[in-house]
Amino acid sequence: MEIGDKSMNKKKITAVLLALLLVVAYLFSGKIINKLYLRGYEKEKIQGANRYETIISCGEGYWDNPKEAILINTGDIGSAMSAVPYAYANNIPLLLTEQGDLSSEIRKFIKENHLKKVYVLGGIRAVSKRVERDVERTGAKVERIIQINRGDISNTFAEMTVKQSKSKEMFVIFDGKNGYSIGVSILGKAAEKGMPILTVNESNLYKAAEFARENGIEKTYVIGRFNELNSTIDKVFPNVHRISGKDKFEVNRNVIKEFYDMDKVDKVYVVKGGNLIKGKTLNVGEFVNSIAAVPRIAKTGEPILINDTEYIQDDVMDFLKKYNIKKLCSVGFEIKKTSVINLDSDVARIVTSFILIIMIALITFRALKG
């Protein structure tokens, strides 16, 4: 074999080894970056195989031998939020279901805890007769709470909450997807202090104001922006105190600063605040995770921190550093970082795969050409 041939074979072997090295580096780089990410922080997660397991995992050890539960359609986040203070005060787990199918996890929870009664929120369009029968087969009695609209449901739970807690303060959030993504910020404090949460829109605004008058509410915390309703809200509710911001993240941080002693906060529960799916609909499962966290955050006095990505966003990281918060518990997902550049996960995979293919092709081409 000629010296030139040996040199050519050596270059080919080197090219193959380099290509293999790139593939290995590509496969394991994410794990290495993630291991080094947020060093100095304590990270934990509460994440079940699905949203129903996550709900149950969050509540374990924080419910005290419950005898009743409230069952709500997963899409009815506004009603679920309104129910939070009353449910927490009465040791009643908030459980969620699809309209026509009760998950095996929720069925098992009802049966194993020997629940005596399950309040089903809404008519059969919200929770079907089939689901009702599934609940009854566990041995629990079913009682439906049916109201004409969500505003009525909001008022119903508000009245039940105030009757028990005697609270003179209340929260008002906008009855809509944007309002819900902001409203998750106040769930823990509403539960802890027994403050009713009213979801408000044009159709039920004055009914909510009537509730405030009849129940002697002295202070109204208005969370977020209400667009064309802004000026009216100031007129119809007592002693309005606004907590707002440029987006849901800033509102969330302002809520934390308003209601928590920042010198004592050393742990936060990190949740996603309703990401858009393909730019159109909001991810309901992310709201479910916020509601699931309530039993913990209300008892421990630790706030919810909204972060819509798996890695910690820059403004959120600045907040953590400013107040020296080192303990992070993510609910429904794992905090991680698998690339140096922050991109959407699908985009990141496409970009890195493309770069890898180009580099391997160049190495191989040079080796063969040489």
Protein backbone atom coordinates (compact mmCIF):
# COMPACT_ATOMS: atom_id res chain seq x y z
CA MET A 1 0.00 0.00 0.00
CA GLU A 2 1.34 3.38 -0.98
CA ILE A 3 2.03 6.12 1.59
CA GLY A 4 -0.63 8.28 -0.08
CA ASP A 5 -3.23 5.52 0.35
CA LYS A 6 -2.34 5.13 4.03
CA SER A 7 -2.67 8.88 4.49
CA MET A 8 -6.06 8.81 2.76
CA ASN A 9 -7.31 5.94 4.97
CA LYS A 10 -6.07 7.74 8.07
CA LYS A 11 -8.02 10.86 7.09
CA LYS A 12 -11.14 8.78 6.46
CA ILE A 13 -10.83 7.09 9.86
CA THR A 14 -10.29 10.50 11.50
CA ALA A 15 -13.38 11.86 9.72
CA VAL A 16 -15.50 8.94 10.90
CA LEU A 17 -14.25 9.33 14.48
CA LEU A 18 -14.95 13.07 14.42
CA ALA A 19 -18.43 12.44 13.07
CA LEU A 20 -19.10 9.88 15.82
CA LEU A 21 -17.75 12.29 18.42
CA LEU A 22 -20.16 14.97 17.19
CA VAL A 23 -23.09 12.57 17.38
CA VAL A 24 -22.18 11.56 20.95
CA ALA A 25 -21.72 15.20 21.95
CA TYR A 26 -25.09 16.04 20.40
CA LEU A 27 -26.87 13.23 22.27
CA PHE A 28 -25.39 14.01 25.68
CA SER A 29 -24.86 17.78 25.60
CA GLY A 30 -28.40 18.47 26.82
CA LYS A 31 -27.94 16.27 29.89
CA ILE A 32 -24.61 17.91 30.72
CA ILE A 33 -26.01 21.44 30.35
CA ASN A 34 -29.05 20.52 32.43
CA LYS A 35 -26.86 19.04 35.20
CA LEU A 36 -24.89 22.28 35.43
CA TYR A 37 -28.00 24.48 35.14
CA LEU A 38 -29.08 26.35 38.31
CA ARG A 39 -26.20 25.08 40.41
CA GLY A 40 -26.63 26.44 43.91
CA TYR A 41 -30.42 26.09 43.73
CA GLU A 42 -32.50 23.31 45.28
CA LYS A 43 -34.75 21.89 42.58
CA GLU A 44 -37.65 19.52 43.08
CA LYS A 45 -40.71 18.67 41.04
CA ILE A 46 -44.24 17.40 41.53
CA GLN A 47 -45.21 15.71 38.30
CA GLY A 48 -47.51 12.78 37.72
CA ALA A 49 -47.92 10.78 34.54
CA ASN A 50 -50.86 13.09 33.73
CA ARG A 51 -52.71 16.10 35.17
CA TYR A 52 -54.86 13.90 37.42
CA GLU A 53 -51.86 12.21 39.04
CA THR A 54 -50.31 15.64 39.54
CA ILE A 55 -53.44 16.87 41.37
CA ILE A 56 -53.36 13.89 43.71
CA SER A 57 -49.58 14.08 44.26
CA CYS A 58 -49.81 17.77 45.19
CA GLY A 59 -52.49 17.14 47.78
CA GLU A 60 -50.97 14.08 49.45
CA GLY A 61 -50.14 14.90 53.04
CA TYR A 62 -51.98 18.23 52.85
CA TRP A 63 -55.57 16.95 52.93
CA ASP A 64 -56.69 15.77 56.35
CA ASN A 65 -58.76 12.64 55.80
CA PRO A 66 -61.29 14.34 53.48
CA LYS A 67 -64.90 13.14 53.35
CA GLU A 68 -66.11 15.23 50.41
CA ALA A 69 -64.77 16.50 47.10
CA ILE A 70 -65.78 18.92 44.35
CA LEU A 71 -65.61 17.58 40.79
CA ILE A 72 -65.21 20.14 37.99
CA ASN A 73 -64.78 19.91 34.23
CA THR A 74 -61.14 20.53 33.30
CA GLY A 75 -62.19 23.29 30.91
CA ASP A 76 -64.06 25.25 33.57
CA ILE A 77 -61.02 26.88 35.14
CA GLY A 78 -62.93 30.01 36.19
CA SER A 79 -65.30 27.99 38.38
CA ALA A 80 -62.42 25.97 39.79
CA MET A 81 -60.62 29.17 40.80
CA SER A 82 -63.75 30.53 42.49
CA ALA A 83 -64.10 27.29 44.45
CA VAL A 84 -60.53 27.31 45.77
CA PRO A 85 -60.97 29.32 49.04
CA TYR A 86 -64.11 27.44 50.14
CA ALA A 87 -62.69 24.04 49.23
CA TYR A 88 -59.43 24.65 51.09
CA ALA A 89 -61.19 25.98 54.22
CA ASN A 90 -63.34 22.86 54.39
CA ASN A 91 -60.68 20.26 53.59
CA ILE A 92 -62.42 19.47 50.29
CA PRO A 93 -60.15 18.36 47.42
CA LEU A 94 -60.84 19.97 44.06
CA LEU A 95 -60.86 17.18 41.50
CA LEU A 96 -61.14 17.56 37.75
CA THR A 97 -62.66 15.43 35.02
CA GLU A 98 -63.31 15.37 31.31
CA GLN A 99 -66.95 15.88 30.36
CA GLY A 100 -67.64 12.26 29.49
CA ASP A 101 -64.88 10.29 31.16
CA LEU A 102 -63.77 10.00 34.78
CA SER A 103 -60.05 9.20 34.89
CA SER A 104 -58.93 6.03 36.66
CA GLU A 105 -56.73 8.15 38.97
CA ILE A 106 -59.63 10.29 40.21
CA ARG A 107 -61.93 7.27 40.54
CA LYS A 108 -59.29 5.49 42.61
CA PHE A 109 -58.80 8.55 44.84
CA ILE A 110 -62.54 8.82 45.57
CA LYS A 111 -62.79 5.11 46.34
CA GLU A 112 -59.64 4.72 48.44
CA ASN A 113 -60.44 7.78 50.56
CA HIS A 114 -64.01 6.52 51.13
CA LEU A 115 -65.46 9.90 50.18
CA LYS A 116 -69.07 10.17 51.29
CA LYS A 117 -70.14 12.92 48.91
CA VAL A 118 -68.91 14.42 45.66
CA TYR A 119 -70.28 17.78 44.53
CA VAL A 120 -70.43 17.82 40.74
CA LEU A 121 -70.21 21.34 39.36
CA GLY A 122 -72.45 22.05 36.39
CA GLY A 123 -75.08 20.24 34.32
CA ILE A 124 -74.60 17.21 32.07
CA ARG A 125 -72.94 19.34 29.38
CA ALA A 126 -70.15 20.03 31.86
CA VAL A 127 -70.03 16.63 33.56
CA SER A 128 -71.98 13.79 31.97
CA LYS A 129 -74.35 11.29 33.57
CA ARG A 130 -71.78 8.62 32.80
CA VAL A 131 -69.22 10.35 35.01
CA GLU A 132 -71.87 10.78 37.70
CA ARG A 133 -72.61 7.02 37.64
CA ASP A 134 -68.89 6.23 37.81
CA VAL A 135 -68.62 8.34 40.96
CA GLU A 136 -71.65 6.65 42.51
CA ARG A 137 -70.12 3.22 41.88
CA THR A 138 -67.31 4.14 44.28
CA GLY A 139 -69.89 4.43 47.08
CA ALA A 140 -69.99 8.23 47.18
CA LYS A 141 -73.22 10.19 46.86
CA VAL A 142 -73.40 12.78 44.10
CA GLU A 143 -74.89 16.27 44.46
CA ARG A 144 -74.90 18.63 41.52
CA ILE A 145 -74.36 22.37 41.86
CA ILE A 146 -76.02 23.94 38.83
CA GLN A 147 -76.04 27.65 38.09
CA ILE A 148 -77.03 29.56 34.97
CA ASN A 149 -73.56 30.90 34.24
CA ARG A 150 -70.05 31.11 35.67
CA GLY A 151 -70.78 34.46 37.28
CA ASP A 152 -73.49 32.82 39.39
CA ILE A 153 -71.11 29.99 40.33
CA SER A 154 -68.48 32.56 41.29
CA ASN A 155 -71.00 34.38 43.51
CA THR A 156 -72.21 31.12 45.06
CA PHE A 157 -68.74 30.10 46.18
CA ALA A 158 -67.94 33.66 47.25
CA GLU A 159 -71.00 33.72 49.52
CA MET A 160 -70.14 30.30 50.98
CA THR A 161 -66.57 31.45 51.60
CA VAL A 162 -67.47 34.75 53.29
CA LYS A 163 -70.15 33.14 55.43
CA GLN A 164 -67.46 30.95 56.93
CA SER A 165 -64.36 33.17 56.92
CA LYS A 166 -66.07 36.53 57.62
CA SER A 167 -63.51 38.10 55.29
CA LYS A 168 -63.90 41.79 54.54
CA GLU A 169 -61.60 41.62 51.53
CA MET A 170 -62.02 39.95 48.16
CA PHE A 171 -60.20 39.32 44.90
CA VAL A 172 -61.61 40.22 41.47
CA ILE A 173 -60.18 38.74 38.28
CA PHE A 174 -61.37 38.99 34.70
CA ASP A 175 -63.57 36.09 33.54
CA GLY A 176 -61.54 35.03 30.53
CA LYS A 177 -58.40 33.16 29.56
CA ASN A 178 -56.12 36.14 30.10
CA GLY A 179 -57.73 36.71 33.48
CA TYR A 180 -57.17 33.11 34.51
CA SER A 181 -53.48 33.18 33.59
CA ILE A 182 -53.10 36.20 35.88
CA GLY A 183 -55.51 34.90 38.52
CA VAL A 184 -53.40 31.85 39.39
CA SER A 185 -51.12 34.25 41.27
CA ILE A 186 -53.65 34.82 44.06
CA LEU A 187 -54.92 31.26 44.60
CA GLY A 188 -52.65 30.47 47.55
CA LYS A 189 -53.29 33.69 49.44
CA ALA A 190 -57.05 33.54 48.76
CA ALA A 191 -57.14 30.04 50.25
CA GLU A 192 -54.91 30.94 53.20
CA LYS A 193 -56.91 34.04 54.18
CA GLY A 194 -60.38 32.83 53.18
CA MET A 195 -60.80 35.63 50.66
CA PRO A 196 -63.44 35.05 47.96
CA ILE A 197 -62.42 35.12 44.29
CA LEU A 198 -64.95 36.66 41.92
CA THR A 199 -64.54 36.20 38.17
CA VAL A 200 -66.06 39.25 36.49
CA ASN A 201 -67.17 40.17 32.99
CA GLU A 202 -69.70 42.61 31.48
CA SER A 203 -72.69 40.39 32.19
CA ASN A 204 -72.10 39.78 35.92
CA LEU A 205 -70.21 42.91 36.98
CA TYR A 206 -73.11 44.49 38.90
CA LYS A 207 -74.10 41.20 40.50
CA ALA A 208 -70.53 40.90 41.84
CA ALA A 209 -70.76 44.49 43.13
CA GLU A 210 -74.04 43.62 44.83
CA PHE A 211 -72.32 40.69 46.54
CA ALA A 212 -69.68 43.09 47.89
CA ARG A 213 -72.29 45.47 49.31
CA GLU A 214 -74.45 42.76 50.88
CA ASN A 215 -71.49 41.07 52.55
CA GLY A 216 -69.81 44.16 53.92
CA ILE A 217 -66.69 43.89 51.79
CA GLU A 218 -64.38 46.76 52.67
CA LYS A 219 -61.49 46.23 50.24
CA THR A 220 -61.32 44.89 46.68
CA TYR A 221 -58.07 43.63 45.18
CA VAL A 222 -58.43 43.93 41.41
CA ILE A 223 -55.86 41.72 39.71
CA GLY A 224 -54.69 42.60 36.20
CA ARG A 225 -56.30 44.73 33.50
CA PHE A 226 -59.98 44.78 32.61
CA ASN A 227 -59.74 46.90 29.45
CA GLU A 228 -63.09 48.67 28.85
CA LEU A 229 -64.36 47.67 32.32
CA ASN A 230 -61.52 49.44 34.13
CA SER A 231 -63.31 52.71 34.90
CA THR A 232 -66.57 50.98 35.87
CA ILE A 233 -64.83 48.68 38.33
CA ASP A 234 -63.46 51.65 40.24
CA LYS A 235 -67.00 52.97 40.66
CA VAL A 236 -68.92 49.84 41.66
CA PHE A 237 -66.50 48.05 44.02
CA PRO A 238 -65.47 49.30 47.47
CA ASN A 239 -61.96 50.60 48.10
CA VAL A 240 -60.34 49.25 44.95
CA HIS A 241 -56.66 48.37 45.16
CA ARG A 242 -55.16 47.41 41.82
CA ILE A 243 -52.29 45.02 41.26
CA SER A 244 -51.27 45.06 37.62
CA GLY A 245 -48.27 44.97 35.32
CA LYS A 246 -47.20 44.87 31.70
CA ASP A 247 -47.86 41.10 31.47
CA LYS A 248 -48.90 38.14 33.62
CA PHE A 249 -45.33 37.62 34.83
CA GLU A 250 -45.01 41.13 36.21
CA VAL A 251 -48.51 40.95 37.75
CA ASN A 252 -47.51 37.67 39.38
CA ARG A 253 -44.35 39.14 40.91
CA ASN A 254 -46.27 42.21 42.09
CA VAL A 255 -48.82 39.95 43.80
CA ILE A 256 -46.01 38.12 45.59
CA LYS A 257 -44.49 41.39 46.79
CA GLU A 258 -47.91 42.63 47.94
CA PHE A 259 -48.92 39.61 50.00
CA TYR A 260 -45.70 37.91 51.10
CA ASP A 261 -42.85 38.97 53.36
CA MET A 262 -39.97 38.89 50.89
CA ASP A 263 -37.41 38.63 53.70
CA LYS A 264 -38.92 35.26 54.62
CA VAL A 265 -39.70 33.80 51.18
CA ASP A 266 -37.03 31.22 50.39
CA LYS A 267 -39.08 28.82 48.28
CA VAL A 268 -41.52 29.21 45.38
CA TYR A 269 -43.75 26.82 43.47
CA VAL A 270 -43.05 27.32 39.78
CA VAL A 271 -46.02 26.85 37.44
CA LYS A 272 -46.81 27.63 33.85
CA GLY A 273 -49.50 30.26 33.40
CA GLY A 274 -51.44 29.01 30.42
CA ASN A 275 -49.20 28.88 27.36
CA LEU A 276 -50.79 29.33 23.95
CA ILE A 277 -51.04 26.12 21.94
CA LYS A 278 -50.08 26.86 18.33
CA GLY A 279 -50.85 30.51 19.03
CA LYS A 280 -54.59 29.92 19.52
CA THR A 281 -55.86 28.15 22.62
CA LEU A 282 -54.49 28.16 26.13
CA ASN A 283 -53.10 25.03 27.74
CA VAL A 284 -55.75 24.16 30.32
CA GLY A 285 -53.48 21.56 31.92
CA GLU A 286 -51.17 24.32 33.12
CA PHE A 287 -54.01 25.99 35.04
CA VAL A 288 -54.84 22.61 36.57
CA ASN A 289 -51.30 22.42 37.97
CA SER A 290 -51.74 25.81 39.66
CA ILE A 291 -54.98 24.69 41.29
CA ALA A 292 -53.36 21.40 42.31
CA ALA A 293 -50.63 23.29 44.19
CA VAL A 294 -53.09 25.18 46.44
CA PRO A 295 -53.16 22.75 49.43
CA ARG A 296 -49.38 23.05 49.71
CA ILE A 297 -48.87 26.75 49.12
CA ALA A 298 -51.73 27.75 51.41
CA LYS A 299 -50.39 25.68 54.31
CA THR A 300 -46.72 26.51 53.82
CA GLY A 301 -47.26 30.19 52.96
CA GLU A 302 -45.11 29.87 49.85
CA PRO A 303 -46.11 31.66 46.63
CA ILE A 304 -46.76 30.57 43.07
CA LEU A 305 -44.24 31.91 40.55
CA ILE A 306 -45.29 31.92 36.90
CA ASN A 307 -42.70 30.81 34.35
CA ASP A 308 -43.90 29.64 30.93
CA THR A 309 -40.82 27.70 29.82
CA GLU A 310 -38.90 24.71 31.13
CA TYR A 311 -35.88 26.92 31.73
CA ILE A 312 -36.13 29.94 34.03
CA GLN A 313 -36.91 33.11 32.05
CA ASP A 314 -34.56 36.08 32.44
CA ASP A 315 -37.01 38.34 34.28
CA VAL A 316 -37.98 35.49 36.61
CA MET A 317 -34.30 34.75 37.29
CA ASP A 318 -33.70 38.41 38.13
CA PHE A 319 -36.55 38.19 40.66
CA LEU A 320 -35.10 35.04 42.25
CA LYS A 321 -31.66 36.63 42.54
CA LYS A 322 -32.99 39.92 43.93
CA TYR A 323 -34.75 38.19 46.81
CA ASN A 324 -32.22 35.35 47.19
CA ILE A 325 -34.81 32.62 46.60
CA LYS A 326 -32.93 29.34 46.22
CA LYS A 327 -35.61 26.64 46.52
CA LEU A 328 -37.69 25.88 43.43
CA CYS A 329 -40.47 23.32 43.20
CA SER A 330 -41.95 22.94 39.73
CA VAL A 331 -45.50 21.62 39.40
CA GLY A 332 -46.41 19.55 36.36
CA PHE A 333 -43.03 19.83 34.64
CA GLU A 334 -39.28 19.67 35.29
CA ILE A 335 -37.11 22.79 35.37
CA LYS A 336 -34.28 22.12 32.94
CA LYS A 337 -32.15 23.60 30.24
CA THR A 338 -30.91 21.43 27.40
CA SER A 339 -29.30 24.05 25.14
CA VAL A 340 -27.11 27.10 25.54
CA ILE A 341 -29.42 29.23 23.39
CA ASN A 342 -33.01 29.48 24.62
CA LEU A 343 -35.31 28.40 21.79
CA ASP A 344 -38.66 26.69 21.56
CA SER A 345 -37.96 22.96 22.04
CA ASP A 346 -39.16 21.97 18.53
CA VAL A 347 -37.20 24.79 16.90
CA ALA A 348 -34.11 23.92 18.95
CA ARG A 349 -34.23 20.29 17.81
CA ILE A 350 -34.54 21.29 14.16
CA VAL A 351 -31.72 23.86 14.35
CA THR A 352 -29.26 21.63 16.22
CA SER A 353 -30.02 18.62 14.00
CA PHE A 354 -29.47 20.74 10.90
CA ILE A 355 -26.14 22.09 12.19
CA LEU A 356 -25.01 18.57 13.11
CA ILE A 357 -25.81 17.21 9.63
CA ILE A 358 -23.94 20.10 7.96
CA MET A 359 -20.85 19.60 10.14
CA ILE A 360 -20.75 15.83 9.53
CA ALA A 361 -21.19 16.40 5.78
CA LEU A 362 -18.32 18.93 5.71
CA ILE A 363 -15.99 16.63 7.67
CA THR A 364 -16.79 13.69 5.40
CA PHE A 365 -16.45 15.77 2.22
CA ARG A 366 -13.04 17.14 3.25
CA ALA A 367 -11.77 13.69 4.14
CA LEU A 368 -12.88 12.16 0.85
CA LYS A 369 -11.59 15.10 -1.14
CA GLY A 370 -8.21 14.94 0.55
